[in-house]
Amino acid sequence: MKRVARRAGMAGAATLLIAAAACASAGGASSAAAPAVVDTTTFAPDLAVDLRQFTRATSGMYYFDAVKGTGTVAAEGRKATIRYSAYLPTGALVDAQRQPLEVDIDETMMKGLRYGLVGMRAGGQRRLVLPPSLGYGRSQYGKIPPNSILVFDVELIAVR
């Protein structure tokens, strides 16, 4: 009886090991890159990101007002006209909108950009440092690899 129980236990352990190995080789958690942590990231000197000069929001986003606007305050549910540039911590430009773009500040917008716009005043310029959870997360998006920290320079032209 003891011998049968021991064999059953060993067979169960072997099954678990095989299942774990299959998960790892099929792209399970062990092969996925862990999200980067903003606080310990080294930023390219050209980005001029010194997190000690930034304000950390409860969401994990950092922001710095390069120019404080004096116009209407951006809020959820409003329309905003913006320009932006997005960079990886290496300094690589991955996206830019140089022509004024009208956007709805709502749930259809990337969380980090939405959170970063809310509270800004028209005429302001803000630098945002977004953790992956407020950007594209585990998904690749164009030139942006999965689990990327993003640095946005945003100019808020108008709010209505």
C-alpha atoms as a PDB file:
ATOM      1  CA  MET A   1       0.000   0.000   0.000  1.00  0.00           C
ATOM      2  CA  LYS A   2       2.818   2.407   0.895  1.00  0.00           C
ATOM      3  CA  ARG A   3       4.609   1.567  -2.338  1.00  0.00           C
ATOM      4  CA  VAL A   4       1.488   2.392  -4.417  1.00  0.00           C
ATOM      5  CA  ALA A   5       0.993   5.730  -2.635  1.00  0.00           C
ATOM      6  CA  ARG A   6       4.672   6.673  -3.144  1.00  0.00           C
ATOM      7  CA  ARG A   7       4.486   5.814  -6.874  1.00  0.00           C
ATOM      8  CA  ALA A   8       1.300   7.863  -7.230  1.00  0.00           C
ATOM      9  CA  GLY A   9       3.007  10.819  -5.488  1.00  0.00           C
ATOM     10  CA  MET A  10       6.071  10.536  -7.731  1.00  0.00           C
ATOM     11  CA  ALA A  11       3.863  10.321 -10.845  1.00  0.00           C
ATOM     12  CA  GLY A  12       1.982  13.442  -9.726  1.00  0.00           C
ATOM     13  CA  ALA A  13       5.247  15.333  -9.147  1.00  0.00           C
ATOM     14  CA  ALA A  14       6.549  14.281 -12.553  1.00  0.00           C
ATOM     15  CA  THR A  15       3.319  15.465 -14.183  1.00  0.00           C
ATOM     16  CA  LEU A  16       3.645  18.866 -12.487  1.00  0.00           C
ATOM     17  CA  LEU A  17       7.259  19.214 -13.654  1.00  0.00           C
ATOM     18  CA  ILE A  18       6.323  18.354 -17.231  1.00  0.00           C
ATOM     19  CA  ALA A  19       3.401  20.803 -17.167  1.00  0.00           C
ATOM     20  CA  ALA A  20       5.617  23.577 -15.761  1.00  0.00           C
ATOM     21  CA  ALA A  21       8.250  22.962 -18.426  1.00  0.00           C
ATOM     22  CA  ALA A  22       5.598  23.026 -21.151  1.00  0.00           C
ATOM     23  CA  CYS A  23       4.255  26.357 -19.869  1.00  0.00           C
ATOM     24  CA  ALA A  24       7.738  27.887 -19.787  1.00  0.00           C
ATOM     25  CA  SER A  25       8.581  26.750 -23.310  1.00  0.00           C
ATOM     26  CA  ALA A  26       5.198  27.915 -24.634  1.00  0.00           C
ATOM     27  CA  GLY A  27       5.780  31.509 -23.520  1.00  0.00           C
ATOM     28  CA  GLY A  28       4.624  31.268 -19.928  1.00  0.00           C
ATOM     29  CA  ALA A  29       5.537  33.707 -17.193  1.00  0.00           C
ATOM     30  CA  SER A  30       9.205  32.713 -17.106  1.00  0.00           C
ATOM     31  CA  SER A  31       9.848  33.905 -20.671  1.00  0.00           C
ATOM     32  CA  ALA A  32       7.982  37.232 -20.408  1.00  0.00           C
ATOM     33  CA  ALA A  33      10.024  40.349 -19.650  1.00  0.00           C
ATOM     34  CA  ALA A  34       9.296  41.892 -16.272  1.00  0.00           C
ATOM     35  CA  PRO A  35       7.975  45.470 -16.375  1.00  0.00           C
ATOM     36  CA  ALA A  36      10.655  48.101 -15.825  1.00  0.00           C
ATOM     37  CA  VAL A  37      10.555  50.183 -12.670  1.00  0.00           C
ATOM     38  CA  VAL A  38      10.639  53.943 -13.253  1.00  0.00           C
ATOM     39  CA  ASP A  39      12.532  54.742 -10.035  1.00  0.00           C
ATOM     40  CA  THR A  40      15.556  52.648 -11.001  1.00  0.00           C
ATOM     41  CA  THR A  41      15.621  53.441 -14.725  1.00  0.00           C
ATOM     42  CA  THR A  42      18.546  55.294 -16.274  1.00  0.00           C
ATOM     43  CA  PHE A  43      17.375  57.928 -18.747  1.00  0.00           C
ATOM     44  CA  ALA A  44      19.381  59.265 -21.686  1.00  0.00           C
ATOM     45  CA  PRO A  45      21.032  62.589 -20.801  1.00  0.00           C
ATOM     46  CA  ASP A  46      19.225  64.294 -23.730  1.00  0.00           C
ATOM     47  CA  LEU A  47      15.876  63.643 -22.013  1.00  0.00           C
ATOM     48  CA  ALA A  48      16.942  65.648 -18.942  1.00  0.00           C
ATOM     49  CA  VAL A  49      14.876  63.427 -16.637  1.00  0.00           C
ATOM     50  CA  ASP A  50      15.870  63.978 -13.016  1.00  0.00           C
ATOM     51  CA  LEU A  51      13.049  62.348 -11.053  1.00  0.00           C
ATOM     52  CA  ARG A  52      13.990  64.387  -7.972  1.00  0.00           C
ATOM     53  CA  GLN A  53      12.636  67.430  -9.854  1.00  0.00           C
ATOM     54  CA  PHE A  54       9.365  65.684 -10.794  1.00  0.00           C
ATOM     55  CA  THR A  55       6.159  65.154  -8.863  1.00  0.00           C
ATOM     56  CA  ARG A  56       5.153  61.515  -8.382  1.00  0.00           C
ATOM     57  CA  ALA A  57       1.425  60.849  -8.747  1.00  0.00           C
ATOM     58  CA  THR A  58      -0.264  57.995  -6.872  1.00  0.00           C
ATOM     59  CA  SER A  59      -0.651  56.213 -10.233  1.00  0.00           C
ATOM     60  CA  GLY A  60       3.152  55.839 -10.476  1.00  0.00           C
ATOM     61  CA  MET A  61       3.434  58.524 -13.158  1.00  0.00           C
ATOM     62  CA  TYR A  62       5.936  61.345 -12.740  1.00  0.00           C
ATOM     63  CA  TYR A  63       5.354  64.830 -14.153  1.00  0.00           C
ATOM     64  CA  PHE A  64       7.212  68.117 -14.416  1.00  0.00           C
ATOM     65  CA  ASP A  65       5.696  71.393 -15.595  1.00  0.00           C
ATOM     66  CA  ALA A  66       8.274  73.041 -17.857  1.00  0.00           C
ATOM     67  CA  VAL A  67       5.788  75.839 -18.534  1.00  0.00           C
ATOM     68  CA  LYS A  68       2.737  76.433 -16.366  1.00  0.00           C
ATOM     69  CA  GLY A  69      -0.196  77.469 -18.512  1.00  0.00           C
ATOM     70  CA  THR A  70      -2.639  80.198 -17.585  1.00  0.00           C
ATOM     71  CA  GLY A  71      -5.653  79.094 -19.651  1.00  0.00           C
ATOM     72  CA  THR A  72      -8.550  76.718 -19.067  1.00  0.00           C
ATOM     73  CA  VAL A  73      -7.851  73.641 -16.940  1.00  0.00           C
ATOM     74  CA  ALA A  74      -7.947  70.270 -18.705  1.00  0.00           C
ATOM     75  CA  ALA A  75     -10.412  67.810 -17.164  1.00  0.00           C
ATOM     76  CA  GLU A  76     -12.051  64.458 -17.919  1.00  0.00           C
ATOM     77  CA  GLY A  77     -14.823  64.833 -20.486  1.00  0.00           C
ATOM     78  CA  ARG A  78     -13.329  67.928 -22.131  1.00  0.00           C
ATOM     79  CA  LYS A  79     -11.653  68.313 -25.523  1.00  0.00           C
ATOM     80  CA  ALA A  80      -8.029  69.353 -25.685  1.00  0.00           C
ATOM     81  CA  THR A  81      -5.756  70.462 -28.485  1.00  0.00           C
ATOM     82  CA  ILE A  82      -2.251  69.100 -27.955  1.00  0.00           C
ATOM     83  CA  ARG A  83       1.145  68.441 -29.503  1.00  0.00           C
ATOM     84  CA  TYR A  84       3.423  65.745 -28.135  1.00  0.00           C
ATOM     85  CA  SER A  85       6.592  63.720 -28.546  1.00  0.00           C
ATOM     86  CA  ALA A  86       7.121  60.289 -26.960  1.00  0.00           C
ATOM     87  CA  TYR A  87      10.505  58.758 -26.166  1.00  0.00           C
ATOM     88  CA  LEU A  88      11.924  55.572 -24.719  1.00  0.00           C
ATOM     89  CA  PRO A  89      14.340  55.997 -21.783  1.00  0.00           C
ATOM     90  CA  THR A  90      17.189  55.528 -24.295  1.00  0.00           C
ATOM     91  CA  GLY A  91      16.184  58.828 -25.900  1.00  0.00           C
ATOM     92  CA  ALA A  92      14.766  57.153 -29.016  1.00  0.00           C
ATOM     93  CA  LEU A  93      11.801  59.074 -30.429  1.00  0.00           C
ATOM     94  CA  VAL A  94       8.956  56.570 -30.894  1.00  0.00           C
ATOM     95  CA  ASP A  95       5.986  58.823 -31.664  1.00  0.00           C
ATOM     96  CA  ALA A  96       5.297  62.498 -32.284  1.00  0.00           C
ATOM     97  CA  GLN A  97       2.395  64.727 -33.201  1.00  0.00           C
ATOM     98  CA  ARG A  98       3.812  68.068 -34.321  1.00  0.00           C
ATOM     99  CA  GLN A  99       0.576  69.431 -35.807  1.00  0.00           C
ATOM    100  CA  PRO A 100      -2.125  70.430 -33.298  1.00  0.00           C
ATOM    101  CA  LEU A 101      -4.337  67.437 -32.566  1.00  0.00           C
ATOM    102  CA  GLU A 102      -7.759  67.642 -30.940  1.00  0.00           C
ATOM    103  CA  VAL A 103      -8.426  64.794 -28.504  1.00  0.00           C
ATOM    104  CA  ASP A 104     -11.153  63.801 -26.074  1.00  0.00           C
ATOM    105  CA  ILE A 105      -9.892  63.476 -22.529  1.00  0.00           C
ATOM    106  CA  ASP A 106     -11.692  60.254 -21.721  1.00  0.00           C
ATOM    107  CA  GLU A 107     -11.227  56.490 -21.323  1.00  0.00           C
ATOM    108  CA  THR A 108     -10.353  56.052 -25.012  1.00  0.00           C
ATOM    109  CA  MET A 109      -7.046  57.863 -24.416  1.00  0.00           C
ATOM    110  CA  MET A 110      -3.918  56.122 -23.103  1.00  0.00           C
ATOM    111  CA  LYS A 111      -4.189  56.230 -19.299  1.00  0.00           C
ATOM    112  CA  GLY A 112      -0.854  57.932 -18.697  1.00  0.00           C
ATOM    113  CA  LEU A 113      -1.480  60.662 -21.235  1.00  0.00           C
ATOM    114  CA  ARG A 114      -4.994  61.208 -19.866  1.00  0.00           C
ATOM    115  CA  TYR A 115      -3.757  61.372 -16.276  1.00  0.00           C
ATOM    116  CA  GLY A 116      -0.954  63.696 -17.345  1.00  0.00           C
ATOM    117  CA  LEU A 117      -3.281  66.145 -19.111  1.00  0.00           C
ATOM    118  CA  VAL A 118      -5.853  66.403 -16.333  1.00  0.00           C
ATOM    119  CA  GLY A 119      -5.068  69.443 -14.219  1.00  0.00           C
ATOM    120  CA  MET A 120      -2.861  71.131 -16.828  1.00  0.00           C
ATOM    121  CA  ARG A 121      -3.789  74.601 -18.005  1.00  0.00           C
ATOM    122  CA  ALA A 122      -3.895  75.641 -21.665  1.00  0.00           C
ATOM    123  CA  GLY A 123      -0.573  77.134 -22.657  1.00  0.00           C
ATOM    124  CA  GLY A 124       1.315  74.673 -20.443  1.00  0.00           C
ATOM    125  CA  GLN A 125       4.072  72.243 -21.310  1.00  0.00           C
ATOM    126  CA  ARG A 126       4.570  69.126 -19.237  1.00  0.00           C
ATOM    127  CA  ARG A 127       7.014  66.221 -19.264  1.00  0.00           C
ATOM    128  CA  LEU A 128       5.493  62.881 -18.225  1.00  0.00           C
ATOM    129  CA  VAL A 129       7.325  59.707 -17.251  1.00  0.00           C
ATOM    130  CA  LEU A 130       4.925  56.787 -17.506  1.00  0.00           C
ATOM    131  CA  PRO A 131       5.364  53.284 -16.126  1.00  0.00           C
ATOM    132  CA  PRO A 132       4.379  50.482 -18.531  1.00  0.00           C
ATOM    133  CA  SER A 133       1.024  50.040 -16.767  1.00  0.00           C
ATOM    134  CA  LEU A 134      -0.016  53.550 -17.869  1.00  0.00           C
ATOM    135  CA  GLY A 135       1.358  53.146 -21.394  1.00  0.00           C
ATOM    136  CA  TYR A 136       1.010  50.072 -23.570  1.00  0.00           C
ATOM    137  CA  GLY A 137       1.762  47.502 -20.852  1.00  0.00           C
ATOM    138  CA  ARG A 138       2.798  44.104 -22.155  1.00  0.00           C
ATOM    139  CA  SER A 139       1.837  44.935 -25.743  1.00  0.00           C
ATOM    140  CA  GLN A 140       4.153  46.087 -28.498  1.00  0.00           C
ATOM    141  CA  TYR A 141       2.877  49.230 -30.198  1.00  0.00           C
ATOM    142  CA  GLY A 142       4.724  50.351 -33.329  1.00  0.00           C
ATOM    143  CA  LYS A 143       8.323  51.099 -32.295  1.00  0.00           C
ATOM    144  CA  ILE A 144       7.440  50.746 -28.607  1.00  0.00           C
ATOM    145  CA  PRO A 145       8.536  47.396 -27.120  1.00  0.00           C
ATOM    146  CA  PRO A 146       6.421  45.602 -24.492  1.00  0.00           C
ATOM    147  CA  ASN A 147       6.815  46.772 -20.871  1.00  0.00           C
ATOM    148  CA  SER A 148       8.285  50.121 -21.910  1.00  0.00           C
ATOM    149  CA  ILE A 149       8.590  53.188 -19.758  1.00  0.00           C
ATOM    150  CA  LEU A 150       7.611  56.210 -21.848  1.00  0.00           C
ATOM    151  CA  VAL A 151       8.652  59.847 -21.612  1.00  0.00           C
ATOM    152  CA  PHE A 152       6.155  62.302 -23.112  1.00  0.00           C
ATOM    153  CA  ASP A 153       6.624  65.988 -23.799  1.00  0.00           C
ATOM    154  CA  VAL A 154       3.121  67.430 -24.034  1.00  0.00           C
ATOM    155  CA  GLU A 155       2.048  70.913 -25.006  1.00  0.00           C
ATOM    156  CA  LEU A 156      -1.547  71.792 -24.127  1.00  0.00           C
ATOM    157  CA  ILE A 157      -2.614  74.360 -26.703  1.00  0.00           C
ATOM    158  CA  ALA A 158      -6.303  74.733 -25.854  1.00  0.00           C
ATOM    159  CA  VAL A 159      -9.115  73.224 -23.789  1.00  0.00           C
ATOM    160  CA  ARG A 160     -12.811  73.403 -24.537  1.00  0.00           C
END
